[in-house]
C-alpha atoms as a PDB file:
ATOM      1  CA  UNK A   1       0.000   0.000   0.000  1.00  0.00           C
ATOM      2  CA  UNK A   2       1.227   3.460  -0.905  1.00  0.00           C
ATOM      3  CA  UNK A   3       0.406   6.270   1.531  1.00  0.00           C
ATOM      4  CA  UNK A   4       2.794   9.201   1.622  1.00  0.00           C
ATOM      5  CA  UNK A   5       3.182  12.905   2.270  1.00  0.00           C
ATOM      6  CA  UNK A   6       5.649  14.488  -0.133  1.00  0.00           C
ATOM      7  CA  UNK A   7       7.255  17.835  -0.866  1.00  0.00           C
ATOM      8  CA  UNK A   8       7.956  16.623  -4.421  1.00  0.00           C
ATOM      9  CA  UNK A   9       5.654  16.781  -7.438  1.00  0.00           C
ATOM     10  CA  UNK A  10       3.093  13.977  -7.440  1.00  0.00           C
ATOM     11  CA  UNK A  11       2.984  11.226 -10.053  1.00  0.00           C
ATOM     12  CA  UNK A  12      -0.462   9.708 -10.748  1.00  0.00           C
ATOM     13  CA  UNK A  13       1.198   6.793 -12.564  1.00  0.00           C
ATOM     14  CA  UNK A  14       3.024   5.784  -9.363  1.00  0.00           C
ATOM     15  CA  UNK A  15      -0.190   5.907  -7.334  1.00  0.00           C
ATOM     16  CA  UNK A  16      -2.101   3.950  -9.986  1.00  0.00           C
ATOM     17  CA  UNK A  17       0.599   1.263 -10.098  1.00  0.00           C
ATOM     18  CA  UNK A  18       0.227   0.757  -6.344  1.00  0.00           C
ATOM     19  CA  UNK A  19      -3.368  -0.496  -6.736  1.00  0.00           C
ATOM     20  CA  UNK A  20      -3.758  -2.040 -10.189  1.00  0.00           C
ATOM     21  CA  UNK A  21      -3.818  -5.770 -10.822  1.00  0.00           C
ATOM     22  CA  UNK A  22      -5.192  -8.326 -13.273  1.00  0.00           C
ATOM     23  CA  UNK A  23      -8.216  -9.019 -11.074  1.00  0.00           C
ATOM     24  CA  UNK A  24      -9.425  -5.421 -11.295  1.00  0.00           C
ATOM     25  CA  UNK A  25     -11.474  -4.136 -14.208  1.00  0.00           C
ATOM     26  CA  UNK A  26     -11.563  -0.579 -12.848  1.00  0.00           C
ATOM     27  CA  UNK A  27      -8.977   1.786 -11.449  1.00  0.00           C
ATOM     28  CA  UNK A  28     -10.283   5.158 -10.326  1.00  0.00           C
ATOM     29  CA  UNK A  29      -7.708   7.897  -9.819  1.00  0.00           C
ATOM     30  CA  UNK A  30      -8.553  11.231  -8.225  1.00  0.00           C
ATOM     31  CA  UNK A  31      -6.203  14.151  -8.787  1.00  0.00           C
ATOM     32  CA  UNK A  32      -6.759  17.236  -6.692  1.00  0.00           C
ATOM     33  CA  UNK A  33      -5.468  20.149  -8.756  1.00  0.00           C
ATOM     34  CA  UNK A  34      -4.710  23.683  -7.529  1.00  0.00           C
ATOM     35  CA  UNK A  35      -7.279  25.937  -9.211  1.00  0.00           C
ATOM     36  CA  UNK A  36      -7.094  29.661  -9.852  1.00  0.00           C
ATOM     37  CA  UNK A  37     -10.152  30.696  -7.834  1.00  0.00           C
ATOM     38  CA  UNK A  38     -12.148  29.993  -4.691  1.00  0.00           C
ATOM     39  CA  UNK A  39     -15.525  31.474  -3.810  1.00  0.00           C
ATOM     40  CA  UNK A  40     -15.197  34.311  -6.298  1.00  0.00           C
ATOM     41  CA  UNK A  41     -11.621  35.263  -5.364  1.00  0.00           C
ATOM     42  CA  UNK A  42      -8.588  34.824  -7.591  1.00  0.00           C
ATOM     43  CA  UNK A  43      -6.085  32.366  -6.091  1.00  0.00           C
ATOM     44  CA  UNK A  44      -2.402  32.660  -6.968  1.00  0.00           C
ATOM     45  CA  UNK A  45      -0.977  29.716  -4.986  1.00  0.00           C
ATOM     46  CA  UNK A  46      -1.511  27.307  -2.097  1.00  0.00           C
ATOM     47  CA  UNK A  47       0.736  26.273   0.744  1.00  0.00           C
ATOM     48  CA  UNK A  48       0.172  22.973   2.512  1.00  0.00           C
ATOM     49  CA  UNK A  49       1.612  22.350   5.959  1.00  0.00           C
ATOM     50  CA  UNK A  50       1.497  18.977   7.681  1.00  0.00           C
ATOM     51  CA  UNK A  51       1.656  17.722  11.234  1.00  0.00           C
ATOM     52  CA  UNK A  52       4.905  15.746  11.748  1.00  0.00           C
ATOM     53  CA  UNK A  53       2.853  12.532  11.917  1.00  0.00           C
ATOM     54  CA  UNK A  54       0.553  13.310   8.983  1.00  0.00           C
ATOM     55  CA  UNK A  55       1.919  10.370   7.003  1.00  0.00           C
ATOM     56  CA  UNK A  56       0.978   8.043   9.878  1.00  0.00           C
ATOM     57  CA  UNK A  57      -2.592   9.388   9.777  1.00  0.00           C
ATOM     58  CA  UNK A  58      -2.705   9.012   5.988  1.00  0.00           C
ATOM     59  CA  UNK A  59      -1.456   5.417   6.225  1.00  0.00           C
ATOM     60  CA  UNK A  60      -4.067   4.632   8.861  1.00  0.00           C
ATOM     61  CA  UNK A  61      -6.796   6.160   6.698  1.00  0.00           C
ATOM     62  CA  UNK A  62      -5.731   4.078   3.691  1.00  0.00           C
ATOM     63  CA  UNK A  63      -5.446   0.874   5.739  1.00  0.00           C
ATOM     64  CA  UNK A  64      -8.930   1.400   7.188  1.00  0.00           C
ATOM     65  CA  UNK A  65     -10.491   2.067   3.786  1.00  0.00           C
ATOM     66  CA  UNK A  66      -8.785  -0.984   2.331  1.00  0.00           C
ATOM     67  CA  UNK A  67      -9.901  -3.182   5.250  1.00  0.00           C
ATOM     68  CA  UNK A  68     -13.500  -1.935   5.069  1.00  0.00           C
ATOM     69  CA  UNK A  69     -13.809  -2.239   1.289  1.00  0.00           C
ATOM     70  CA  UNK A  70     -11.534  -5.196   0.637  1.00  0.00           C
ATOM     71  CA  UNK A  71      -9.940  -3.159  -2.158  1.00  0.00           C
ATOM     72  CA  UNK A  72      -6.435  -1.805  -2.696  1.00  0.00           C
ATOM     73  CA  UNK A  73      -6.165   1.939  -2.089  1.00  0.00           C
ATOM     74  CA  UNK A  74      -3.282   4.404  -2.323  1.00  0.00           C
ATOM     75  CA  UNK A  75      -2.826   8.120  -1.710  1.00  0.00           C
ATOM     76  CA  UNK A  76      -0.077  10.728  -1.786  1.00  0.00           C
ATOM     77  CA  UNK A  77      -0.588  14.274  -0.494  1.00  0.00           C
ATOM     78  CA  UNK A  78       1.712  17.143  -1.385  1.00  0.00           C
ATOM     79  CA  UNK A  79       3.031  19.701   1.086  1.00  0.00           C
ATOM     80  CA  UNK A  80       4.824  22.971   0.497  1.00  0.00           C
ATOM     81  CA  UNK A  81       4.230  25.780  -1.977  1.00  0.00           C
ATOM     82  CA  UNK A  82       2.030  24.825  -4.950  1.00  0.00           C
ATOM     83  CA  UNK A  83       1.108  26.911  -7.954  1.00  0.00           C
ATOM     84  CA  UNK A  84      -1.927  26.799 -10.212  1.00  0.00           C
ATOM     85  CA  UNK A  85      -2.148  23.432 -11.968  1.00  0.00           C
ATOM     86  CA  UNK A  86       0.021  21.540  -9.454  1.00  0.00           C
ATOM     87  CA  UNK A  87      -1.332  18.305  -7.992  1.00  0.00           C
ATOM     88  CA  UNK A  88      -2.118  18.510  -4.276  1.00  0.00           C
ATOM     89  CA  UNK A  89      -3.539  14.999  -3.813  1.00  0.00           C
ATOM     90  CA  UNK A  90      -3.551  11.807  -5.825  1.00  0.00           C
ATOM     91  CA  UNK A  91      -5.722   8.937  -4.588  1.00  0.00           C
ATOM     92  CA  UNK A  92      -6.465   5.651  -6.342  1.00  0.00           C
ATOM     93  CA  UNK A  93      -8.687   2.631  -5.807  1.00  0.00           C
ATOM     94  CA  UNK A  94      -8.932  -0.550  -7.874  1.00  0.00           C
ATOM     95  CA  UNK A  95     -11.958  -2.841  -7.979  1.00  0.00           C
ATOM     96  CA  UNK A  96     -13.468  -5.517 -10.182  1.00  0.00           C
ATOM     97  CA  UNK A  97     -16.151  -3.018 -11.298  1.00  0.00           C
ATOM     98  CA  UNK A  98     -16.277   0.777 -11.709  1.00  0.00           C
ATOM     99  CA  UNK A  99     -19.161   1.647  -9.361  1.00  0.00           C
ATOM    100  CA  UNK A 100     -17.375   0.270  -6.319  1.00  0.00           C
ATOM    101  CA  UNK A 101     -14.065   1.880  -7.303  1.00  0.00           C
ATOM    102  CA  UNK A 102     -15.724   5.305  -7.720  1.00  0.00           C
ATOM    103  CA  UNK A 103     -17.568   5.046  -4.396  1.00  0.00           C
ATOM    104  CA  UNK A 104     -14.541   3.930  -2.398  1.00  0.00           C
ATOM    105  CA  UNK A 105     -12.278   6.556  -3.987  1.00  0.00           C
ATOM    106  CA  UNK A 106     -14.778   9.314  -3.164  1.00  0.00           C
ATOM    107  CA  UNK A 107     -14.981   8.128   0.445  1.00  0.00           C
ATOM    108  CA  UNK A 108     -11.176   7.860   0.668  1.00  0.00           C
ATOM    109  CA  UNK A 109     -10.750  11.483  -0.425  1.00  0.00           C
ATOM    110  CA  UNK A 110     -13.354  12.669   2.100  1.00  0.00           C
ATOM    111  CA  UNK A 111     -11.666  10.762   4.913  1.00  0.00           C
ATOM    112  CA  UNK A 112      -8.258  12.156   3.983  1.00  0.00           C
ATOM    113  CA  UNK A 113      -9.661  15.696   4.062  1.00  0.00           C
ATOM    114  CA  UNK A 114     -11.274  15.051   7.444  1.00  0.00           C
ATOM    115  CA  UNK A 115      -8.747  12.826   9.259  1.00  0.00           C
ATOM    116  CA  UNK A 116      -5.267  13.730   8.028  1.00  0.00           C
ATOM    117  CA  UNK A 117      -3.681  16.771   9.740  1.00  0.00           C
ATOM    118  CA  UNK A 118      -2.676  18.756   6.682  1.00  0.00           C
ATOM    119  CA  UNK A 119      -3.547  22.443   6.515  1.00  0.00           C
ATOM    120  CA  UNK A 120      -4.032  24.612   3.437  1.00  0.00           C
ATOM    121  CA  UNK A 121      -3.203  28.299   3.142  1.00  0.00           C
ATOM    122  CA  UNK A 122      -4.646  30.026   0.104  1.00  0.00           C
ATOM    123  CA  UNK A 123      -2.758  32.957  -1.338  1.00  0.00           C
ATOM    124  CA  UNK A 124      -4.892  35.405  -3.279  1.00  0.00           C
ATOM    125  CA  UNK A 125      -3.979  37.701  -6.163  1.00  0.00           C
ATOM    126  CA  UNK A 126      -4.631  40.733  -3.949  1.00  0.00           C
ATOM    127  CA  UNK A 127      -1.780  39.708  -1.620  1.00  0.00           C
ATOM    128  CA  UNK A 128      -4.005  38.449   1.195  1.00  0.00           C
ATOM    129  CA  UNK A 129      -4.098  34.837   2.389  1.00  0.00           C
ATOM    130  CA  UNK A 130      -6.243  32.612   4.571  1.00  0.00           C
ATOM    131  CA  UNK A 131      -6.141  29.159   6.097  1.00  0.00           C
ATOM    132  CA  UNK A 132      -8.990  26.990   4.816  1.00  0.00           C
ATOM    133  CA  UNK A 133     -10.250  23.443   4.938  1.00  0.00           C
ATOM    134  CA  UNK A 134      -8.032  22.409   7.825  1.00  0.00           C
ATOM    135  CA  UNK A 135      -8.028  18.713   8.556  1.00  0.00           C
ATOM    136  CA  UNK A 136      -8.129  17.482  12.105  1.00  0.00           C
ATOM    137  CA  UNK A 137      -6.595  14.620  14.017  1.00  0.00           C
ATOM    138  CA  UNK A 138      -8.970  11.865  15.044  1.00  0.00           C
END
């Protein structure tokens, strides 16, 4: 199982390879991409900061999802300074059929956002910034 927090650019191919196999007819990959706006404001960049044990929380989240679903899951979350178009999160799930892979991947992303202590600071074009969507430890 691949579950990592990285300051390096993310590679969806690496995350996909961690879950695919001949028994699976579907691999769903989610890529969270830094966009240029949020709630009507122009965004210039994001900064992600992580708790020192964030990778432990991410691993636990992936293990739990895999145990509950019986499917292979993988996720890598980026930290540091990201610009528009950079990947912030790549998550993947493989399953025999697409419906299950989509559902489990969606739940995995929600759990990561909720359970993994990684915090996002949005930088706006007007020079202001704000912390948003902070995850919590559970």
